Amino acid sequence: MNVFKVKPECAEDFENVWKNRESHLKEMPGFVRFALLKCSNVPNKYISQSTWESEEAFRGWTQSQQFSKAHGEADKDKGGSKRPNVGAMLEGPPAPEFFSSVTMTE
């Protein structure tokens, strides 16, 4: 999970970036699901949550070309990103947190 604290004036733009982004997650072996969650009791707090079959599958994603594309790194090499600057919408850097499942009901 990545925890984001978004500047109040940027919340709508932040949500639109995520809703309209080109995702490469489904191309990756071991990908299960993704969700962007908005906190109901803390204003402008969001969590991006991805679920993977294994930690190895997640690590594969973070080292892939698809990850670089999703995070604008490929565009940076070409002299600038076409993506909106999400970092400028945040009050600070995202805070990654890693969890493993203890129990789950579906």
C-alpha atoms as a PDB file:
ATOM      1  CA  MET A   1       0.000   0.000   0.000  1.00  0.00           C
ATOM      2  CA  ASN A   2       1.033   3.550  -0.610  1.00  0.00           C
ATOM      3  CA  VAL A   3      -0.446   6.215   1.657  1.00  0.00           C
ATOM      4  CA  PHE A   4      -0.948   9.643   0.076  1.00  0.00           C
ATOM      5  CA  LYS A   5      -1.808  12.907   1.838  1.00  0.00           C
ATOM      6  CA  VAL A   6      -3.154  15.178  -0.904  1.00  0.00           C
ATOM      7  CA  LYS A   7      -3.309  18.961  -0.820  1.00  0.00           C
ATOM      8  CA  PRO A   8      -6.999  19.908  -0.385  1.00  0.00           C
ATOM      9  CA  GLU A   9      -7.105  21.962  -3.571  1.00  0.00           C
ATOM     10  CA  CYS A  10      -5.685  19.026  -5.584  1.00  0.00           C
ATOM     11  CA  ALA A  11      -7.970  16.188  -4.438  1.00  0.00           C
ATOM     12  CA  GLU A  12     -10.177  16.167  -7.555  1.00  0.00           C
ATOM     13  CA  ASP A  13      -7.174  16.301  -9.905  1.00  0.00           C
ATOM     14  CA  PHE A  14      -5.453  13.532  -7.937  1.00  0.00           C
ATOM     15  CA  GLU A  15      -8.493  11.274  -8.275  1.00  0.00           C
ATOM     16  CA  ASN A  16      -8.766  12.027 -12.001  1.00  0.00           C
ATOM     17  CA  VAL A  17      -5.122  11.081 -12.586  1.00  0.00           C
ATOM     18  CA  TRP A  18      -5.793   7.654 -11.079  1.00  0.00           C
ATOM     19  CA  LYS A  19      -9.158   7.179 -12.812  1.00  0.00           C
ATOM     20  CA  ASN A  20      -7.731   8.038 -16.237  1.00  0.00           C
ATOM     21  CA  ARG A  21      -4.243   6.557 -16.018  1.00  0.00           C
ATOM     22  CA  GLU A  22      -2.968   3.905 -18.386  1.00  0.00           C
ATOM     23  CA  SER A  23      -2.518   0.830 -16.225  1.00  0.00           C
ATOM     24  CA  HIS A  24      -0.044  -1.947 -16.973  1.00  0.00           C
ATOM     25  CA  LEU A  25      -0.852  -4.059 -13.926  1.00  0.00           C
ATOM     26  CA  LYS A  26      -2.940  -6.662 -15.754  1.00  0.00           C
ATOM     27  CA  GLU A  27       0.078  -7.447 -17.951  1.00  0.00           C
ATOM     28  CA  MET A  28       2.010  -8.686 -14.940  1.00  0.00           C
ATOM     29  CA  PRO A  29       2.168 -12.303 -13.759  1.00  0.00           C
ATOM     30  CA  GLY A  30       0.796 -12.648 -10.248  1.00  0.00           C
ATOM     31  CA  PHE A  31      -1.323  -9.483 -10.284  1.00  0.00           C
ATOM     32  CA  VAL A  32      -4.655  -9.969  -8.492  1.00  0.00           C
ATOM     33  CA  ARG A  33      -6.300  -6.546  -8.037  1.00  0.00           C
ATOM     34  CA  PHE A  34      -5.784  -2.821  -7.509  1.00  0.00           C
ATOM     35  CA  ALA A  35      -7.839  -0.182  -5.705  1.00  0.00           C
ATOM     36  CA  LEU A  36      -7.410   3.492  -4.904  1.00  0.00           C
ATOM     37  CA  LEU A  37      -9.127   4.062  -1.577  1.00  0.00           C
ATOM     38  CA  LYS A  38     -10.225   7.409  -0.162  1.00  0.00           C
ATOM     39  CA  CYS A  39     -10.247   7.689   3.618  1.00  0.00           C
ATOM     40  CA  SER A  40     -13.705   8.503   4.984  1.00  0.00           C
ATOM     41  CA  ASN A  41     -12.607   9.981   8.298  1.00  0.00           C
ATOM     42  CA  VAL A  42      -9.309  11.721   7.416  1.00  0.00           C
ATOM     43  CA  PRO A  43      -9.707  14.407   4.731  1.00  0.00           C
ATOM     44  CA  ASN A  44      -7.534  14.112   1.617  1.00  0.00           C
ATOM     45  CA  LYS A  45      -5.915  10.826   2.644  1.00  0.00           C
ATOM     46  CA  TYR A  46      -5.754   8.066   0.022  1.00  0.00           C
ATOM     47  CA  ILE A  47      -4.292   4.587  -0.190  1.00  0.00           C
ATOM     48  CA  SER A  48      -3.305   2.762  -3.360  1.00  0.00           C
ATOM     49  CA  GLN A  49      -3.677  -0.938  -2.656  1.00  0.00           C
ATOM     50  CA  SER A  50      -2.452  -3.677  -4.936  1.00  0.00           C
ATOM     51  CA  THR A  51      -2.786  -7.387  -4.261  1.00  0.00           C
ATOM     52  CA  TRP A  52      -0.323  -9.909  -5.674  1.00  0.00           C
ATOM     53  CA  GLU A  53      -0.143 -13.690  -5.572  1.00  0.00           C
ATOM     54  CA  SER A  54       3.283 -13.451  -3.906  1.00  0.00           C
ATOM     55  CA  GLU A  55       5.936 -11.006  -2.785  1.00  0.00           C
ATOM     56  CA  GLU A  56       8.062 -12.305  -5.675  1.00  0.00           C
ATOM     57  CA  ALA A  57       5.338 -11.259  -8.160  1.00  0.00           C
ATOM     58  CA  PHE A  58       5.195  -7.788  -6.574  1.00  0.00           C
ATOM     59  CA  ARG A  59       8.987  -7.420  -6.726  1.00  0.00           C
ATOM     60  CA  GLY A  60       8.847  -8.461 -10.394  1.00  0.00           C
ATOM     61  CA  TRP A  61       6.370  -5.618 -11.010  1.00  0.00           C
ATOM     62  CA  THR A  62       8.607  -3.034  -9.325  1.00  0.00           C
ATOM     63  CA  GLN A  63      11.530  -4.040 -11.564  1.00  0.00           C
ATOM     64  CA  SER A  64       9.570  -4.211 -14.817  1.00  0.00           C
ATOM     65  CA  GLN A  65       9.254  -1.962 -17.867  1.00  0.00           C
ATOM     66  CA  GLN A  66       5.547  -1.732 -17.093  1.00  0.00           C
ATOM     67  CA  PHE A  67       6.355  -0.246 -13.669  1.00  0.00           C
ATOM     68  CA  SER A  68       8.648   2.312 -15.296  1.00  0.00           C
ATOM     69  CA  LYS A  69       5.908   3.227 -17.782  1.00  0.00           C
ATOM     70  CA  ALA A  70       3.281   3.510 -15.053  1.00  0.00           C
ATOM     71  CA  HIS A  71       5.466   5.830 -13.025  1.00  0.00           C
ATOM     72  CA  GLY A  72       6.494   8.050 -15.956  1.00  0.00           C
ATOM     73  CA  GLU A  73      10.146   7.026 -15.924  1.00  0.00           C
ATOM     74  CA  ALA A  74      10.157   6.164 -19.637  1.00  0.00           C
ATOM     75  CA  ASP A  75       8.834   9.646 -20.488  1.00  0.00           C
ATOM     76  CA  LYS A  76      11.468  11.305 -18.291  1.00  0.00           C
ATOM     77  CA  ASP A  77      14.173   9.747 -20.446  1.00  0.00           C
ATOM     78  CA  LYS A  78      12.582  11.360 -23.510  1.00  0.00           C
ATOM     79  CA  GLY A  79      12.819  14.836 -22.038  1.00  0.00           C
ATOM     80  CA  GLY A  80       9.675  15.135 -19.967  1.00  0.00           C
ATOM     81  CA  SER A  81       6.646  13.290 -18.763  1.00  0.00           C
ATOM     82  CA  LYS A  82       3.197  13.609 -20.315  1.00  0.00           C
ATOM     83  CA  ARG A  83       1.650  12.653 -16.981  1.00  0.00           C
ATOM     84  CA  PRO A  84       0.454  15.284 -14.500  1.00  0.00           C
ATOM     85  CA  ASN A  85       2.930  15.881 -11.689  1.00  0.00           C
ATOM     86  CA  VAL A  86       1.290  13.903  -8.882  1.00  0.00           C
ATOM     87  CA  GLY A  87       4.136  14.818  -6.515  1.00  0.00           C
ATOM     88  CA  ALA A  88       3.106  18.475  -6.688  1.00  0.00           C
ATOM     89  CA  MET A  89      -0.401  17.474  -5.524  1.00  0.00           C
ATOM     90  CA  LEU A  90       0.896  15.900  -2.310  1.00  0.00           C
ATOM     91  CA  GLU A  91       1.707  17.384   1.068  1.00  0.00           C
ATOM     92  CA  GLY A  92       4.718  15.040   1.265  1.00  0.00           C
ATOM     93  CA  PRO A  93       6.093  11.893  -0.359  1.00  0.00           C
ATOM     94  CA  PRO A  94       3.910   8.774  -0.411  1.00  0.00           C
ATOM     95  CA  ALA A  95       4.479   6.420   2.501  1.00  0.00           C
ATOM     96  CA  PRO A  96       4.686   2.778   1.389  1.00  0.00           C
ATOM     97  CA  GLU A  97       3.468   0.134   3.819  1.00  0.00           C
ATOM     98  CA  PHE A  98       3.690  -3.615   3.184  1.00  0.00           C
ATOM     99  CA  PHE A  99       1.286  -6.182   4.613  1.00  0.00           C
ATOM    100  CA  SER A 100       0.855  -9.913   4.296  1.00  0.00           C
ATOM    101  CA  SER A 101      -2.515 -11.618   4.695  1.00  0.00           C
ATOM    102  CA  VAL A 102      -3.393 -13.264   7.982  1.00  0.00           C
ATOM    103  CA  THR A 103      -6.948 -14.122   6.993  1.00  0.00           C
ATOM    104  CA  MET A 104      -9.331 -13.129   4.197  1.00  0.00           C
ATOM    105  CA  THR A 105     -12.984 -13.714   3.427  1.00  0.00           C
ATOM    106  CA  GLU A 106     -14.261 -13.267  -0.128  1.00  0.00           C
END
